[in-house]
Amino acid sequence: MAYSTIKYDVSENILTLTLSRPDKLNAFTGEMMMEMVDAFDRADADDDIRAIIVTGEGRAFCAGADLSAGAKTFDYEKRADRPDKQGNPVQDDGSINWSHEAVRDGGGLLTLRIYECLKPVIAAINGPAVGIGVTMQLAMDIRMASETAKFGFVFARRGIVPEACSSWFLPRIVGIAKALEWTYTGRVFDAKEALAGGLVTSLHAPDDLLPAARALAREIADNTSAVSVALTRQMLWRNAATDHPMEAHKIDSRAIYARGRTEDAKEGVVSFLEKRPAKYPNKVSKDMPSFFPWWPKRDYK
């Protein structure tokens, strides 16, 4: 598939997704959302892809939602570019069907897709990341930033609220107090504050950012089992939200039992003993354990 708003580049088992509207500071649109979702679908289906890097073209990562529609930017009913096939959530009596597909937030559709991803996702934040530009990163696993990057949860300053499931992700990453401070004030802050607050894990000179992200992706791709990483990603994200460690123990136990019977586990031990690089044969597309997925599908109701 040819994309209009992103670039999809695979090199040496690493996919780099680049937000590509540089003349608009990579401002987020409905088309970009759909293309990003499709790109993650493609990546999950491709066993040759071992890690994903998301970055922006030009001087910004993503400046937030495209505001070119002016005052009706966030008024879905008045937007000509919203998909007609979804219909109208406003009912004959004027009440709103809150479970209607047309009510759904596009940023949330993207972060939910990233949450389901079976490959590790690294954000390489090369410049300003505001609004959806920062909330889309929260479903990614590791955030690395340029020293020139800026961040802003600016929603209250636009008369709206945090979106893209960020009210779920952000407190889990930075803690409730910092999450509330950043979303209450809506101020834009620099990369040093993002690092101190735990939003990003490392800062880099602008020219060093992508090489550092690729080095981390390379470390994953060269040394680990793809199936083990896919399981680990879902185990950590999902078990962090359970109400008792017993729930984690159930999944840990099943995953260890299932993985211990595989050729990957044999190769992992033998290669270690023989002091050579491992060559893991199992594939995410066909070798996930029979209990996967262990969670019920969540519908929008």
C-alpha atoms as a PDB file:
ATOM      1  CA  MET A   1       0.000   0.000   0.000  1.00  0.00           C
ATOM      2  CA  ALA A   2       1.247   3.473  -0.891  1.00  0.00           C
ATOM      3  CA  TYR A   3       0.883   5.998   1.909  1.00  0.00           C
ATOM      4  CA  SER A   4       0.349   9.758   1.645  1.00  0.00           C
ATOM      5  CA  THR A   5       1.069  10.919   5.201  1.00  0.00           C
ATOM      6  CA  ILE A   6       3.665   8.435   6.470  1.00  0.00           C
ATOM      7  CA  LYS A   7       6.739   6.618   5.193  1.00  0.00           C
ATOM      8  CA  TYR A   8       7.180   2.866   5.687  1.00  0.00           C
ATOM      9  CA  ASP A   9      10.802   1.745   5.452  1.00  0.00           C
ATOM     10  CA  VAL A  10      12.124  -1.704   6.409  1.00  0.00           C
ATOM     11  CA  SER A  11      15.867  -2.261   6.692  1.00  0.00           C
ATOM     12  CA  GLU A  12      17.638  -5.178   8.366  1.00  0.00           C
ATOM     13  CA  ASN A  13      14.509  -6.340  10.230  1.00  0.00           C
ATOM     14  CA  ILE A  14      13.718  -2.855  11.581  1.00  0.00           C
ATOM     15  CA  LEU A  15      10.680  -0.905  10.388  1.00  0.00           C
ATOM     16  CA  THR A  16      10.920   2.879  10.540  1.00  0.00           C
ATOM     17  CA  LEU A  17       7.547   4.629  10.385  1.00  0.00           C
ATOM     18  CA  THR A  18       8.005   8.319   9.648  1.00  0.00           C
ATOM     19  CA  LEU A  19       5.180  10.813  10.045  1.00  0.00           C
ATOM     20  CA  SER A  20       5.512  12.683   6.772  1.00  0.00           C
ATOM     21  CA  ARG A  21       3.716  16.020   6.506  1.00  0.00           C
ATOM     22  CA  PRO A  22       6.798  18.141   7.176  1.00  0.00           C
ATOM     23  CA  ASP A  23       5.264  21.318   5.742  1.00  0.00           C
ATOM     24  CA  LYS A  24       2.516  20.986   8.395  1.00  0.00           C
ATOM     25  CA  LEU A  25       4.892  19.877  11.182  1.00  0.00           C
ATOM     26  CA  ASN A  26       3.431  16.378  10.674  1.00  0.00           C
ATOM     27  CA  ALA A  27       0.040  17.494  12.007  1.00  0.00           C
ATOM     28  CA  PHE A  28      -2.282  14.550  12.606  1.00  0.00           C
ATOM     29  CA  THR A  29      -5.249  13.890  10.308  1.00  0.00           C
ATOM     30  CA  GLY A  30      -7.823  11.141   9.908  1.00  0.00           C
ATOM     31  CA  GLU A  31      -5.890   9.886   6.905  1.00  0.00           C
ATOM     32  CA  MET A  32      -2.708   9.660   8.978  1.00  0.00           C
ATOM     33  CA  MET A  33      -4.560   7.708  11.649  1.00  0.00           C
ATOM     34  CA  MET A  34      -5.836   5.163   9.124  1.00  0.00           C
ATOM     35  CA  GLU A  35      -2.432   4.836   7.463  1.00  0.00           C
ATOM     36  CA  MET A  36      -0.698   4.308  10.815  1.00  0.00           C
ATOM     37  CA  VAL A  37      -3.204   1.618  11.811  1.00  0.00           C
ATOM     38  CA  ASP A  38      -2.664  -0.115   8.473  1.00  0.00           C
ATOM     39  CA  ALA A  39       1.121   0.105   8.917  1.00  0.00           C
ATOM     40  CA  PHE A  40       0.942  -1.620  12.308  1.00  0.00           C
ATOM     41  CA  ASP A  41      -1.278  -4.319  10.778  1.00  0.00           C
ATOM     42  CA  ARG A  42       1.364  -4.890   8.091  1.00  0.00           C
ATOM     43  CA  ALA A  43       4.188  -4.955  10.612  1.00  0.00           C
ATOM     44  CA  ASP A  44       2.496  -7.526  12.823  1.00  0.00           C
ATOM     45  CA  ALA A  45       1.915  -9.794   9.816  1.00  0.00           C
ATOM     46  CA  ASP A  46       5.555  -9.613   8.688  1.00  0.00           C
ATOM     47  CA  ASP A  47       7.844 -12.038  10.546  1.00  0.00           C
ATOM     48  CA  ASP A  48      10.892 -10.281   9.111  1.00  0.00           C
ATOM     49  CA  ILE A  49      10.117  -7.159  11.148  1.00  0.00           C
ATOM     50  CA  ARG A  50      11.564  -7.462  14.645  1.00  0.00           C
ATOM     51  CA  ALA A  51      11.191  -3.886  15.936  1.00  0.00           C
ATOM     52  CA  ILE A  52       9.456  -0.646  14.972  1.00  0.00           C
ATOM     53  CA  ILE A  53      10.778   2.923  15.242  1.00  0.00           C
ATOM     54  CA  VAL A  54       8.337   5.839  14.935  1.00  0.00           C
ATOM     55  CA  THR A  55       9.716   9.297  14.158  1.00  0.00           C
ATOM     56  CA  GLY A  56       8.831  12.507  12.322  1.00  0.00           C
ATOM     57  CA  GLU A  57      10.111  14.063   9.117  1.00  0.00           C
ATOM     58  CA  GLY A  58      11.634  17.518   9.305  1.00  0.00           C
ATOM     59  CA  ARG A  59      11.879  19.570  12.472  1.00  0.00           C
ATOM     60  CA  ALA A  60       8.803  18.181  14.303  1.00  0.00           C
ATOM     61  CA  PHE A  61       7.648  14.806  15.536  1.00  0.00           C
ATOM     62  CA  CYS A  62       3.970  15.795  15.376  1.00  0.00           C
ATOM     63  CA  ALA A  63       2.498  19.214  16.163  1.00  0.00           C
ATOM     64  CA  GLY A  64      -0.840  17.710  17.186  1.00  0.00           C
ATOM     65  CA  ALA A  65      -4.171  17.650  15.396  1.00  0.00           C
ATOM     66  CA  ASP A  66      -4.406  19.502  12.111  1.00  0.00           C
ATOM     67  CA  LEU A  67      -6.286  22.694  13.055  1.00  0.00           C
ATOM     68  CA  SER A  68      -6.889  23.876   9.492  1.00  0.00           C
ATOM     69  CA  ALA A  69     -10.646  23.309   9.907  1.00  0.00           C
ATOM     70  CA  GLY A  70     -10.664  26.146  12.436  1.00  0.00           C
ATOM     71  CA  ALA A  71     -13.434  26.312  15.033  1.00  0.00           C
ATOM     72  CA  LYS A  72     -15.003  23.045  13.874  1.00  0.00           C
ATOM     73  CA  THR A  73     -11.766  21.051  14.253  1.00  0.00           C
ATOM     74  CA  PHE A  74     -13.112  18.955  17.130  1.00  0.00           C
ATOM     75  CA  ASP A  75     -16.821  19.136  16.202  1.00  0.00           C
ATOM     76  CA  TYR A  76     -17.198  15.846  14.364  1.00  0.00           C
ATOM     77  CA  GLU A  77     -20.711  16.559  13.080  1.00  0.00           C
ATOM     78  CA  LYS A  78     -19.466  19.634  11.201  1.00  0.00           C
ATOM     79  CA  ARG A  79     -16.397  18.012   9.694  1.00  0.00           C
ATOM     80  CA  ALA A  80     -16.744  17.168   6.008  1.00  0.00           C
ATOM     81  CA  ASP A  81     -13.756  14.827   6.214  1.00  0.00           C
ATOM     82  CA  ARG A  82     -15.296  12.447   8.776  1.00  0.00           C
ATOM     83  CA  PRO A  83     -16.292   9.082   7.184  1.00  0.00           C
ATOM     84  CA  ASP A  84     -19.965   9.176   6.100  1.00  0.00           C
ATOM     85  CA  LYS A  85     -20.247   5.405   6.401  1.00  0.00           C
ATOM     86  CA  GLN A  86     -20.200   5.653  10.175  1.00  0.00           C
ATOM     87  CA  GLY A  87     -23.559   7.444  10.180  1.00  0.00           C
ATOM     88  CA  ASN A  88     -24.825   9.971  12.695  1.00  0.00           C
ATOM     89  CA  PRO A  89     -24.762   9.322  16.461  1.00  0.00           C
ATOM     90  CA  VAL A  90     -27.387  12.030  17.045  1.00  0.00           C
ATOM     91  CA  GLN A  91     -30.758  10.316  17.333  1.00  0.00           C
ATOM     92  CA  ASP A  92     -34.157  11.604  16.225  1.00  0.00           C
ATOM     93  CA  ASP A  93     -34.961  12.953  19.700  1.00  0.00           C
ATOM     94  CA  GLY A  94     -31.682  14.885  19.821  1.00  0.00           C
ATOM     95  CA  SER A  95     -29.978  12.542  22.269  1.00  0.00           C
ATOM     96  CA  ILE A  96     -26.597  11.037  21.442  1.00  0.00           C
ATOM     97  CA  ASN A  97     -25.850   7.352  21.078  1.00  0.00           C
ATOM     98  CA  TRP A  98     -22.538   7.376  22.974  1.00  0.00           C
ATOM     99  CA  SER A  99     -21.694   3.844  21.750  1.00  0.00           C
ATOM    100  CA  HIS A 100     -21.913   4.840  18.078  1.00  0.00           C
ATOM    101  CA  GLU A 101     -18.768   4.302  16.010  1.00  0.00           C
ATOM    102  CA  ALA A 102     -18.852   7.930  14.833  1.00  0.00           C
ATOM    103  CA  VAL A 103     -18.239   9.084  18.427  1.00  0.00           C
ATOM    104  CA  ARG A 104     -14.912   7.285  18.652  1.00  0.00           C
ATOM    105  CA  ASP A 105     -11.689   9.278  18.973  1.00  0.00           C
ATOM    106  CA  GLY A 106      -9.274   8.704  16.105  1.00  0.00           C
ATOM    107  CA  GLY A 107      -6.225   9.000  18.349  1.00  0.00           C
ATOM    108  CA  GLY A 108      -7.641   6.249  20.522  1.00  0.00           C
ATOM    109  CA  LEU A 109      -8.110   3.984  17.520  1.00  0.00           C
ATOM    110  CA  LEU A 110      -4.388   4.383  16.843  1.00  0.00           C
ATOM    111  CA  THR A 111      -3.145   3.865  20.412  1.00  0.00           C
ATOM    112  CA  LEU A 112      -5.408   0.846  20.851  1.00  0.00           C
ATOM    113  CA  ARG A 113      -3.831  -0.638  17.722  1.00  0.00           C
ATOM    114  CA  ILE A 114      -0.334   0.080  19.018  1.00  0.00           C
ATOM    115  CA  TYR A 115      -1.318  -1.506  22.350  1.00  0.00           C
ATOM    116  CA  GLU A 116      -2.204  -4.721  20.496  1.00  0.00           C
ATOM    117  CA  CYS A 117       1.086  -4.730  18.567  1.00  0.00           C
ATOM    118  CA  LEU A 118       3.295  -7.831  18.738  1.00  0.00           C
ATOM    119  CA  LYS A 119       6.541  -6.008  17.992  1.00  0.00           C
ATOM    120  CA  PRO A 120       8.480  -3.660  20.298  1.00  0.00           C
ATOM    121  CA  VAL A 121       7.830  -0.020  19.435  1.00  0.00           C
ATOM    122  CA  ILE A 122      10.411   2.737  19.969  1.00  0.00           C
ATOM    123  CA  ALA A 123       9.502   6.419  19.638  1.00  0.00           C
ATOM    124  CA  ALA A 124      12.342   8.606  18.350  1.00  0.00           C
ATOM    125  CA  ILE A 125      11.019  12.070  19.163  1.00  0.00           C
ATOM    126  CA  ASN A 126      12.959  14.407  16.923  1.00  0.00           C
ATOM    127  CA  GLY A 127      11.132  17.671  17.663  1.00  0.00           C
ATOM    128  CA  PRO A 128       7.913  19.192  19.002  1.00  0.00           C
ATOM    129  CA  ALA A 129       5.320  16.605  20.077  1.00  0.00           C
ATOM    130  CA  VAL A 130       2.068  18.227  21.175  1.00  0.00           C
ATOM    131  CA  GLY A 131      -1.469  16.921  21.702  1.00  0.00           C
ATOM    132  CA  ILE A 132      -1.902  13.688  19.765  1.00  0.00           C
ATOM    133  CA  GLY A 133       1.772  14.088  18.895  1.00  0.00           C
ATOM    134  CA  VAL A 134       2.634  13.143  22.470  1.00  0.00           C
ATOM    135  CA  THR A 135      -0.352  10.957  23.404  1.00  0.00           C
ATOM    136  CA  MET A 136       0.240   8.571  20.486  1.00  0.00           C
ATOM    137  CA  GLN A 137       3.696   7.888  21.971  1.00  0.00           C
ATOM    138  CA  LEU A 138       2.258   6.649  25.263  1.00  0.00           C
ATOM    139  CA  ALA A 139       1.278   3.278  23.784  1.00  0.00           C
ATOM    140  CA  MET A 140       4.822   2.862  22.487  1.00  0.00           C
ATOM    141  CA  ASP A 141       7.279   0.985  24.676  1.00  0.00           C
ATOM    142  CA  ILE A 142      10.355   3.206  24.841  1.00  0.00           C
ATOM    143  CA  ARG A 143      10.535   6.942  24.148  1.00  0.00           C
ATOM    144  CA  MET A 144      13.895   8.453  23.181  1.00  0.00           C
ATOM    145  CA  ALA A 145      14.064  12.184  22.523  1.00  0.00           C
ATOM    146  CA  SER A 146      16.211  14.790  20.845  1.00  0.00           C
ATOM    147  CA  GLU A 147      17.511  17.461  23.182  1.00  0.00           C
ATOM    148  CA  THR A 148      15.498  19.929  21.090  1.00  0.00           C
ATOM    149  CA  ALA A 149      12.169  18.090  21.513  1.00  0.00           C
ATOM    150  CA  LYS A 150       9.236  19.750  23.271  1.00  0.00           C
ATOM    151  CA  PHE A 151       6.084  18.181  24.684  1.00  0.00           C
ATOM    152  CA  GLY A 152       2.636  19.435  25.578  1.00  0.00           C
ATOM    153  CA  PHE A 153      -0.614  17.892  26.786  1.00  0.00           C
ATOM    154  CA  VAL A 154      -2.381  21.063  25.619  1.00  0.00           C
ATOM    155  CA  PHE A 155      -5.986  19.834  25.575  1.00  0.00           C
ATOM    156  CA  ALA A 156      -7.404  22.045  28.337  1.00  0.00           C
ATOM    157  CA  ARG A 157      -5.943  25.040  26.491  1.00  0.00           C
ATOM    158  CA  ARG A 158      -7.977  24.049  23.425  1.00  0.00           C
ATOM    159  CA  GLY A 159     -11.215  23.511  25.353  1.00  0.00           C
ATOM    160  CA  ILE A 160     -11.102  19.721  25.075  1.00  0.00           C
ATOM    161  CA  VAL A 161      -9.694  16.861  27.181  1.00  0.00           C
ATOM    162  CA  PRO A 162      -6.851  14.316  26.861  1.00  0.00           C
ATOM    163  CA  GLU A 163      -7.550  11.681  24.211  1.00  0.00           C
ATOM    164  CA  ALA A 164      -5.904   8.653  22.594  1.00  0.00           C
ATOM    165  CA  CYS A 165      -6.472   6.644  25.801  1.00  0.00           C
ATOM    166  CA  SER A 166      -3.898   8.895  27.482  1.00  0.00           C
ATOM    167  CA  SER A 167      -5.884   9.017  30.726  1.00  0.00           C
ATOM    168  CA  TRP A 168      -5.053   5.291  30.985  1.00  0.00           C
ATOM    169  CA  PHE A 169      -1.480   5.350  29.690  1.00  0.00           C
ATOM    170  CA  LEU A 170      -0.023   8.570  31.083  1.00  0.00           C
ATOM    171  CA  PRO A 171      -0.501   7.943  34.851  1.00  0.00           C
ATOM    172  CA  ARG A 172       0.971   4.465  34.431  1.00  0.00           C
ATOM    173  CA  ILE A 173       4.104   5.922  32.841  1.00  0.00           C
ATOM    174  CA  VAL A 174       4.774   9.073  34.882  1.00  0.00           C
ATOM    175  CA  GLY A 175       2.517   8.716  37.948  1.00  0.00           C
ATOM    176  CA  ILE A 176      -0.782  10.412  38.692  1.00  0.00           C
ATOM    177  CA  ALA A 177       0.656  13.646  40.154  1.00  0.00           C
ATOM    178  CA  LYS A 178       2.853  14.450  37.162  1.00  0.00           C
ATOM    179  CA  ALA A 179       0.110  13.383  34.738  1.00  0.00           C
ATOM    180  CA  LEU A 180      -2.331  15.774  36.417  1.00  0.00           C
ATOM    181  CA  GLU A 181       0.167  18.638  36.454  1.00  0.00           C
ATOM    182  CA  TRP A 182       0.928  18.341  32.761  1.00  0.00           C
ATOM    183  CA  THR A 183      -2.716  17.915  31.694  1.00  0.00           C
ATOM    184  CA  TYR A 184      -4.121  20.557  34.073  1.00  0.00           C
ATOM    185  CA  THR A 185      -1.708  23.268  32.940  1.00  0.00           C
ATOM    186  CA  GLY A 186      -1.526  22.279  29.281  1.00  0.00           C
ATOM    187  CA  ARG A 187       1.858  23.940  29.096  1.00  0.00           C
ATOM    188  CA  VAL A 188       4.588  22.992  26.652  1.00  0.00           C
ATOM    189  CA  PHE A 189       7.756  21.732  28.359  1.00  0.00           C
ATOM    190  CA  ASP A 190      11.236  20.834  27.226  1.00  0.00           C
ATOM    191  CA  ALA A 191      13.039  17.522  26.831  1.00  0.00           C
ATOM    192  CA  LYS A 192      14.866  17.833  30.157  1.00  0.00           C
ATOM    193  CA  GLU A 193      11.569  18.049  32.032  1.00  0.00           C
ATOM    194  CA  ALA A 194      10.234  15.093  30.039  1.00  0.00           C
ATOM    195  CA  LEU A 195      13.278  13.066  31.092  1.00  0.00           C
ATOM    196  CA  ALA A 196      13.027  14.110  34.752  1.00  0.00           C
ATOM    197  CA  GLY A 197       9.316  13.269  34.772  1.00  0.00           C
ATOM    198  CA  GLY A 198       9.840   9.796  33.298  1.00  0.00           C
ATOM    199  CA  LEU A 199       8.090  10.463  30.002  1.00  0.00           C
ATOM    200  CA  VAL A 200      11.251   9.683  27.998  1.00  0.00           C
ATOM    201  CA  THR A 201      14.130   7.367  28.870  1.00  0.00           C
ATOM    202  CA  SER A 202      17.026   9.203  27.230  1.00  0.00           C
ATOM    203  CA  LEU A 203      18.053  12.430  25.490  1.00  0.00           C
ATOM    204  CA  HIS A 204      20.293  12.638  22.445  1.00  0.00           C
ATOM    205  CA  ALA A 205      21.880  15.226  20.205  1.00  0.00           C
ATOM    206  CA  PRO A 206      19.619  15.665  17.159  1.00  0.00           C
ATOM    207  CA  ASP A 207      21.950  13.814  14.787  1.00  0.00           C
ATOM    208  CA  ASP A 208      22.429  10.970  17.271  1.00  0.00           C
ATOM    209  CA  LEU A 209      18.747  10.229  17.943  1.00  0.00           C
ATOM    210  CA  LEU A 210      17.898   7.847  15.101  1.00  0.00           C
ATOM    211  CA  PRO A 211      21.216   5.979  15.314  1.00  0.00           C
ATOM    212  CA  ALA A 212      20.577   5.462  19.041  1.00  0.00           C
ATOM    213  CA  ALA A 213      17.054   4.227  18.361  1.00  0.00           C
ATOM    214  CA  ARG A 214      18.330   1.862  15.674  1.00  0.00           C
ATOM    215  CA  ALA A 215      21.040   0.570  18.010  1.00  0.00           C
ATOM    216  CA  LEU A 216      18.398  -0.314  20.593  1.00  0.00           C
ATOM    217  CA  ALA A 217      16.180  -1.928  17.956  1.00  0.00           C
ATOM    218  CA  ARG A 218      19.236  -3.818  16.656  1.00  0.00           C
ATOM    219  CA  GLU A 219      19.999  -5.148  20.144  1.00  0.00           C
ATOM    220  CA  ILE A 220      16.470  -6.560  20.337  1.00  0.00           C
ATOM    221  CA  ALA A 221      16.458  -7.968  16.815  1.00  0.00           C
ATOM    222  CA  ASP A 222      19.873  -9.622  17.067  1.00  0.00           C
ATOM    223  CA  ASN A 223      19.611 -11.263  20.473  1.00  0.00           C
ATOM    224  CA  THR A 224      16.051 -12.272  21.297  1.00  0.00           C
ATOM    225  CA  SER A 225      13.276 -14.641  20.334  1.00  0.00           C
ATOM    226  CA  ALA A 226      10.526 -12.864  18.365  1.00  0.00           C
ATOM    227  CA  VAL A 227       7.808 -14.948  20.018  1.00  0.00           C
ATOM    228  CA  SER A 228       9.210 -14.318  23.494  1.00  0.00           C
ATOM    229  CA  VAL A 229       9.313 -10.565  22.856  1.00  0.00           C
ATOM    230  CA  ALA A 230       5.744 -10.580  21.505  1.00  0.00           C
ATOM    231  CA  LEU A 231       4.518 -12.403  24.600  1.00  0.00           C
ATOM    232  CA  THR A 232       6.576 -10.227  26.947  1.00  0.00           C
ATOM    233  CA  ARG A 233       5.150  -7.038  25.458  1.00  0.00           C
ATOM    234  CA  GLN A 234       1.572  -8.136  26.065  1.00  0.00           C
ATOM    235  CA  MET A 235       2.356  -9.632  29.486  1.00  0.00           C
ATOM    236  CA  LEU A 236       3.872  -6.429  30.847  1.00  0.00           C
ATOM    237  CA  TRP A 237       1.284  -4.038  29.428  1.00  0.00           C
ATOM    238  CA  ARG A 238      -1.724  -6.142  30.394  1.00  0.00           C
ATOM    239  CA  ASN A 239      -0.541  -7.524  33.731  1.00  0.00           C
ATOM    240  CA  ALA A 240       0.285  -4.002  34.917  1.00  0.00           C
ATOM    241  CA  ALA A 241      -3.471  -3.324  34.904  1.00  0.00           C
ATOM    242  CA  THR A 242      -4.658  -6.433  36.767  1.00  0.00           C
ATOM    243  CA  ASP A 243      -5.956  -6.308  40.342  1.00  0.00           C
ATOM    244  CA  HIS A 244      -3.752  -9.043  41.895  1.00  0.00           C
ATOM    245  CA  PRO A 245      -0.337 -10.611  41.198  1.00  0.00           C
ATOM    246  CA  MET A 246      -2.073 -13.999  40.905  1.00  0.00           C
ATOM    247  CA  GLU A 247      -3.337 -12.863  37.504  1.00  0.00           C
ATOM    248  CA  ALA A 248       0.259 -12.311  36.406  1.00  0.00           C
ATOM    249  CA  HIS A 249       1.273 -15.653  37.922  1.00  0.00           C
ATOM    250  CA  LYS A 250      -1.306 -17.446  35.788  1.00  0.00           C
ATOM    251  CA  ILE A 251       0.008 -15.944  32.566  1.00  0.00           C
ATOM    252  CA  ASP A 252       3.673 -16.232  33.571  1.00  0.00           C
ATOM    253  CA  SER A 253       3.174 -19.917  34.354  1.00  0.00           C
ATOM    254  CA  ARG A 254       1.400 -20.707  31.106  1.00  0.00           C
ATOM    255  CA  ALA A 255       3.914 -18.749  29.039  1.00  0.00           C
ATOM    256  CA  ILE A 256       6.953 -20.363  30.684  1.00  0.00           C
ATOM    257  CA  TYR A 257       5.421 -23.826  30.300  1.00  0.00           C
ATOM    258  CA  ALA A 258       4.526 -23.233  26.652  1.00  0.00           C
ATOM    259  CA  ARG A 259       7.847 -21.612  25.722  1.00  0.00           C
ATOM    260  CA  GLY A 260       9.890 -24.240  27.560  1.00  0.00           C
ATOM    261  CA  ARG A 261       8.669 -26.913  25.143  1.00  0.00           C
ATOM    262  CA  THR A 262       9.729 -24.992  22.024  1.00  0.00           C
ATOM    263  CA  GLU A 263      12.779 -25.041  19.779  1.00  0.00           C
ATOM    264  CA  ASP A 264      13.387 -21.422  20.783  1.00  0.00           C
ATOM    265  CA  ALA A 265      13.996 -22.412  24.412  1.00  0.00           C
ATOM    266  CA  LYS A 266      16.311 -25.229  23.397  1.00  0.00           C
ATOM    267  CA  GLU A 267      18.252 -22.903  21.118  1.00  0.00           C
ATOM    268  CA  GLY A 268      18.467 -20.229  23.795  1.00  0.00           C
ATOM    269  CA  VAL A 269      20.118 -22.589  26.265  1.00  0.00           C
ATOM    270  CA  VAL A 270      22.348 -24.462  23.822  1.00  0.00           C
ATOM    271  CA  SER A 271      23.616 -21.292  22.131  1.00  0.00           C
ATOM    272  CA  PHE A 272      24.477 -19.852  25.554  1.00  0.00           C
ATOM    273  CA  LEU A 273      26.399 -22.970  26.552  1.00  0.00           C
ATOM    274  CA  GLU A 274      28.167 -23.076  23.194  1.00  0.00           C
ATOM    275  CA  LYS A 275      28.972 -19.355  23.422  1.00  0.00           C
ATOM    276  CA  ARG A 276      27.520 -18.508  20.008  1.00  0.00           C
ATOM    277  CA  PRO A 277      24.751 -16.234  18.744  1.00  0.00           C
ATOM    278  CA  ALA A 278      21.308 -17.812  18.942  1.00  0.00           C
ATOM    279  CA  LYS A 279      19.199 -18.457  15.866  1.00  0.00           C
ATOM    280  CA  TYR A 280      15.597 -18.672  17.044  1.00  0.00           C
ATOM    281  CA  PRO A 281      13.357 -20.623  14.627  1.00  0.00           C
ATOM    282  CA  ASN A 282       9.876 -19.825  15.991  1.00  0.00           C
ATOM    283  CA  LYS A 283       7.684 -17.242  14.211  1.00  0.00           C
ATOM    284  CA  VAL A 284       5.099 -14.865  15.641  1.00  0.00           C
ATOM    285  CA  SER A 285       2.770 -15.617  12.716  1.00  0.00           C
ATOM    286  CA  LYS A 286       2.409 -19.312  13.561  1.00  0.00           C
ATOM    287  CA  ASP A 287       4.068 -20.210  16.869  1.00  0.00           C
ATOM    288  CA  MET A 288       2.271 -18.211  19.539  1.00  0.00           C
ATOM    289  CA  PRO A 289       1.074 -20.529  22.352  1.00  0.00           C
ATOM    290  CA  SER A 290      -2.456 -21.929  22.254  1.00  0.00           C
ATOM    291  CA  PHE A 291      -3.638 -19.840  25.238  1.00  0.00           C
ATOM    292  CA  PHE A 292      -2.811 -16.620  23.357  1.00  0.00           C
ATOM    293  CA  PRO A 293      -4.599 -14.253  23.411  1.00  0.00           C
ATOM    294  CA  TRP A 294      -5.722 -14.768  27.005  1.00  0.00           C
ATOM    295  CA  TRP A 295      -7.870 -11.626  27.236  1.00  0.00           C
ATOM    296  CA  PRO A 296     -11.424 -11.114  25.997  1.00  0.00           C
ATOM    297  CA  LYS A 297     -11.951  -8.740  23.128  1.00  0.00           C
ATOM    298  CA  ARG A 298     -13.128  -5.331  24.322  1.00  0.00           C
ATOM    299  CA  ASP A 299     -15.883  -3.794  22.216  1.00  0.00           C
ATOM    300  CA  TYR A 300     -16.761  -0.104  22.043  1.00  0.00           C
ATOM    301  CA  LYS A 301     -20.143   0.055  23.823  1.00  0.00           C
END
